[in-house]
Each structure stands twice: as structure tokens, then as C-alpha cells.
Amino acid sequence: MMTSAMTVVGREVFIDDYNEEIDIDYRLDPDEILQDMVELMEESPESYQHLHIDSEQTNDGMNKLFSFT
């Protein structure tokens, strides 16, 4: 559960895309991923974060890159 006052725009889109694209054997809790990204961005507000998923962990065999700004 998120405890930050920061608003996450596109939360549902990220969760849907993540669940659709990532092989079930490699999936993490998307809410925990978002919480980690929020914490990193609160520590360094001018930064942006990327989540890179290797091709062997995806449903279509293509690398994935999720960006958080």
C-alpha cells in the first residue's frame, strides 16, 4: 500500500501493461514496484527511473522498458 502523498498518474495503465507483458513466473507485485519508484523519486525529485525487463522474462520475447518521471 502506498503511503506517499505523491500522486501516481497512469497507475492502472502501468499495472495492466505490466501484467500483460511480463511472464507470470517473473512478475513482482506492481504496487510494490510503484512504491519503490515513488520513494526513489521523492529522494531525488529531479530524477527519472527506468524498469528494464529482459526478453526471457516477457510473454513476447521482447525487452521491455517502463519509465517513471
N, C-alpha and C. Protein backbone atom coordinates (compact mmCIF):
# COMPACT_ATOMS: atom_id res chain seq x y z
N MET A 1 0.83 -1.18 0.00
CA MET A 1 0.00 0.00 0.00
C MET A 1 0.87 1.24 0.00
N MET A 2 0.50 2.21 -0.82
CA MET A 2 1.28 3.42 -0.92
C MET A 2 0.97 4.36 0.24
N THR A 3 2.04 4.92 0.83
CA THR A 3 1.88 5.83 1.94
C THR A 3 2.33 7.24 1.58
N SER A 4 2.75 7.46 0.38
CA SER A 4 3.24 8.76 -0.06
C SER A 4 2.08 9.67 -0.44
N ALA A 5 2.34 10.97 -0.34
CA ALA A 5 1.35 11.95 -0.79
C ALA A 5 1.48 12.20 -2.29
N MET A 6 2.51 11.62 -2.92
CA MET A 6 2.71 11.80 -4.36
C MET A 6 1.62 11.07 -5.14
N THR A 7 1.08 11.75 -6.14
CA THR A 7 0.06 11.16 -7.00
C THR A 7 0.72 10.38 -8.12
N VAL A 8 0.28 9.17 -8.34
CA VAL A 8 0.80 8.36 -9.43
C VAL A 8 -0.21 8.42 -10.58
N VAL A 9 0.18 9.10 -11.64
CA VAL A 9 -0.67 9.23 -12.82
C VAL A 9 -0.41 8.03 -13.71
N GLY A 10 -1.46 7.38 -14.16
CA GLY A 10 -1.31 6.23 -15.04
C GLY A 10 -1.06 4.92 -14.30
N ARG A 11 -1.40 4.88 -13.02
CA ARG A 11 -1.18 3.68 -12.20
C ARG A 11 -1.82 2.45 -12.83
N GLU A 12 -3.08 2.56 -13.17
CA GLU A 12 -3.81 1.42 -13.73
C GLU A 12 -3.23 0.98 -15.07
N VAL A 13 -2.79 1.95 -15.87
CA VAL A 13 -2.19 1.64 -17.17
C VAL A 13 -0.91 0.84 -16.97
N PHE A 14 -0.06 1.30 -16.03
CA PHE A 14 1.18 0.58 -15.75
C PHE A 14 0.87 -0.84 -15.29
N ILE A 15 -0.04 -0.99 -14.35
CA ILE A 15 -0.36 -2.32 -13.81
C ILE A 15 -0.90 -3.23 -14.91
N ASP A 16 -1.79 -2.71 -15.74
CA ASP A 16 -2.33 -3.51 -16.85
C ASP A 16 -1.23 -3.93 -17.82
N ASP A 17 -0.40 -2.96 -18.21
CA ASP A 17 0.69 -3.27 -19.15
C ASP A 17 1.68 -4.26 -18.54
N TYR A 18 2.04 -4.04 -17.30
CA TYR A 18 2.99 -4.92 -16.62
C TYR A 18 2.45 -6.35 -16.56
N ASN A 19 1.21 -6.50 -16.14
CA ASN A 19 0.61 -7.83 -16.03
C ASN A 19 0.43 -8.50 -17.39
N GLU A 20 0.19 -7.71 -18.42
CA GLU A 20 0.02 -8.27 -19.77
C GLU A 20 1.35 -8.67 -20.40
N GLU A 21 2.38 -7.90 -20.16
CA GLU A 21 3.66 -8.08 -20.85
C GLU A 21 4.64 -9.02 -20.16
N ILE A 22 4.57 -9.14 -18.84
CA ILE A 22 5.58 -9.88 -18.09
C ILE A 22 5.08 -11.30 -17.80
N ASP A 23 5.94 -12.27 -18.09
CA ASP A 23 5.64 -13.67 -17.82
C ASP A 23 5.30 -13.86 -16.34
N ILE A 24 4.27 -14.61 -16.07
CA ILE A 24 3.78 -14.79 -14.70
C ILE A 24 4.86 -15.34 -13.76
N ASP A 25 5.80 -16.12 -14.28
CA ASP A 25 6.87 -16.68 -13.45
C ASP A 25 7.84 -15.61 -12.95
N TYR A 26 7.85 -14.44 -13.59
CA TYR A 26 8.80 -13.38 -13.25
C TYR A 26 8.14 -12.14 -12.66
N ARG A 27 6.83 -12.13 -12.56
CA ARG A 27 6.12 -10.95 -12.09
C ARG A 27 6.37 -10.68 -10.61
N LEU A 28 6.52 -9.40 -10.31
CA LEU A 28 6.55 -8.92 -8.94
C LEU A 28 5.24 -8.17 -8.70
N ASP A 29 4.99 -7.79 -7.48
CA ASP A 29 3.80 -7.02 -7.16
C ASP A 29 3.94 -5.62 -7.76
N PRO A 30 3.09 -5.25 -8.73
CA PRO A 30 3.24 -3.94 -9.36
C PRO A 30 3.06 -2.78 -8.39
N ASP A 31 2.25 -2.94 -7.35
CA ASP A 31 2.10 -1.88 -6.36
C ASP A 31 3.40 -1.66 -5.59
N GLU A 32 4.13 -2.73 -5.31
CA GLU A 32 5.43 -2.60 -4.65
C GLU A 32 6.44 -1.92 -5.57
N ILE A 33 6.40 -2.24 -6.85
CA ILE A 33 7.27 -1.58 -7.81
C ILE A 33 6.99 -0.08 -7.83
N LEU A 34 5.71 0.28 -7.90
CA LEU A 34 5.34 1.69 -7.90
C LEU A 34 5.78 2.38 -6.61
N GLN A 35 5.62 1.72 -5.48
CA GLN A 35 6.03 2.30 -4.21
C GLN A 35 7.54 2.55 -4.21
N ASP A 36 8.31 1.60 -4.71
CA ASP A 36 9.76 1.77 -4.80
C ASP A 36 10.11 2.96 -5.70
N MET A 37 9.42 3.09 -6.83
CA MET A 37 9.69 4.20 -7.74
C MET A 37 9.34 5.54 -7.10
N VAL A 38 8.23 5.59 -6.38
CA VAL A 38 7.83 6.82 -5.69
C VAL A 38 8.89 7.20 -4.65
N GLU A 39 9.35 6.23 -3.88
CA GLU A 39 10.37 6.51 -2.87
C GLU A 39 11.65 7.04 -3.51
N LEU A 40 12.08 6.43 -4.61
CA LEU A 40 13.28 6.91 -5.30
C LEU A 40 13.09 8.33 -5.82
N MET A 41 11.93 8.62 -6.34
CA MET A 41 11.67 9.93 -6.90
C MET A 41 11.51 10.99 -5.81
N GLU A 42 11.01 10.59 -4.64
CA GLU A 42 10.93 11.53 -3.52
C GLU A 42 12.33 11.88 -3.01
N GLU A 43 13.23 10.91 -3.03
CA GLU A 43 14.60 11.15 -2.60
C GLU A 43 15.34 12.06 -3.57
N SER A 44 15.01 11.97 -4.84
CA SER A 44 15.67 12.76 -5.87
C SER A 44 14.63 13.24 -6.88
N PRO A 45 13.93 14.33 -6.56
CA PRO A 45 12.80 14.79 -7.38
C PRO A 45 13.14 15.12 -8.84
N GLU A 46 14.37 15.44 -9.13
CA GLU A 46 14.74 15.78 -10.50
C GLU A 46 15.10 14.55 -11.33
N SER A 47 15.05 13.39 -10.74
CA SER A 47 15.46 12.18 -11.44
C SER A 47 14.28 11.51 -12.14
N TYR A 48 14.60 10.54 -12.93
CA TYR A 48 13.59 9.66 -13.50
C TYR A 48 14.12 8.24 -13.38
N GLN A 49 13.24 7.29 -13.37
CA GLN A 49 13.61 5.90 -13.14
C GLN A 49 13.14 5.05 -14.32
N HIS A 50 13.88 3.96 -14.56
CA HIS A 50 13.50 3.00 -15.60
C HIS A 50 13.45 1.62 -14.98
N LEU A 51 12.53 0.83 -15.44
CA LEU A 51 12.44 -0.58 -15.08
C LEU A 51 12.64 -1.35 -16.37
N HIS A 52 13.76 -2.05 -16.48
CA HIS A 52 14.09 -2.83 -17.68
C HIS A 52 13.80 -4.30 -17.41
N ILE A 53 13.05 -4.92 -18.31
CA ILE A 53 12.72 -6.33 -18.20
C ILE A 53 13.35 -7.05 -19.39
N ASP A 54 14.18 -8.04 -19.11
CA ASP A 54 14.85 -8.80 -20.17
C ASP A 54 13.86 -9.66 -20.95
N SER A 55 14.21 -9.94 -22.18
CA SER A 55 13.33 -10.64 -23.11
C SER A 55 12.88 -12.01 -22.60
N GLU A 56 13.73 -12.72 -21.87
CA GLU A 56 13.33 -14.06 -21.40
C GLU A 56 12.28 -13.99 -20.29
N GLN A 57 12.00 -12.78 -19.79
CA GLN A 57 11.01 -12.62 -18.73
C GLN A 57 9.67 -12.07 -19.24
N THR A 58 9.57 -11.90 -20.56
CA THR A 58 8.35 -11.32 -21.13
C THR A 58 7.56 -12.38 -21.91
N ASN A 59 6.31 -12.08 -22.14
CA ASN A 59 5.44 -13.01 -22.86
C ASN A 59 5.75 -13.09 -24.35
N ASP A 60 6.24 -11.99 -24.93
CA ASP A 60 6.50 -11.98 -26.37
C ASP A 60 7.98 -12.08 -26.73
N GLY A 61 8.86 -12.26 -25.75
CA GLY A 61 10.28 -12.42 -26.02
C GLY A 61 11.00 -11.13 -26.38
N MET A 62 10.38 -9.99 -26.14
CA MET A 62 10.98 -8.69 -26.43
C MET A 62 11.31 -8.00 -25.10
N ASN A 63 12.44 -7.28 -25.06
CA ASN A 63 12.78 -6.49 -23.88
C ASN A 63 11.69 -5.44 -23.65
N LYS A 64 11.49 -5.09 -22.39
CA LYS A 64 10.52 -4.04 -22.04
C LYS A 64 11.22 -2.98 -21.20
N LEU A 65 10.80 -1.73 -21.37
CA LEU A 65 11.34 -0.63 -20.60
C LEU A 65 10.18 0.23 -20.13
N PHE A 66 9.99 0.28 -18.83
CA PHE A 66 8.97 1.13 -18.22
C PHE A 66 9.70 2.34 -17.65
N SER A 67 9.24 3.53 -17.96
CA SER A 67 9.86 4.77 -17.49
C SER A 67 8.95 5.48 -16.51
N PHE A 68 9.55 6.04 -15.50
CA PHE A 68 8.81 6.77 -14.46
C PHE A 68 9.43 8.15 -14.33
N THR A 69 8.61 9.18 -14.50
CA THR A 69 9.11 10.55 -14.42
C THR A 69 8.29 11.38 -13.46
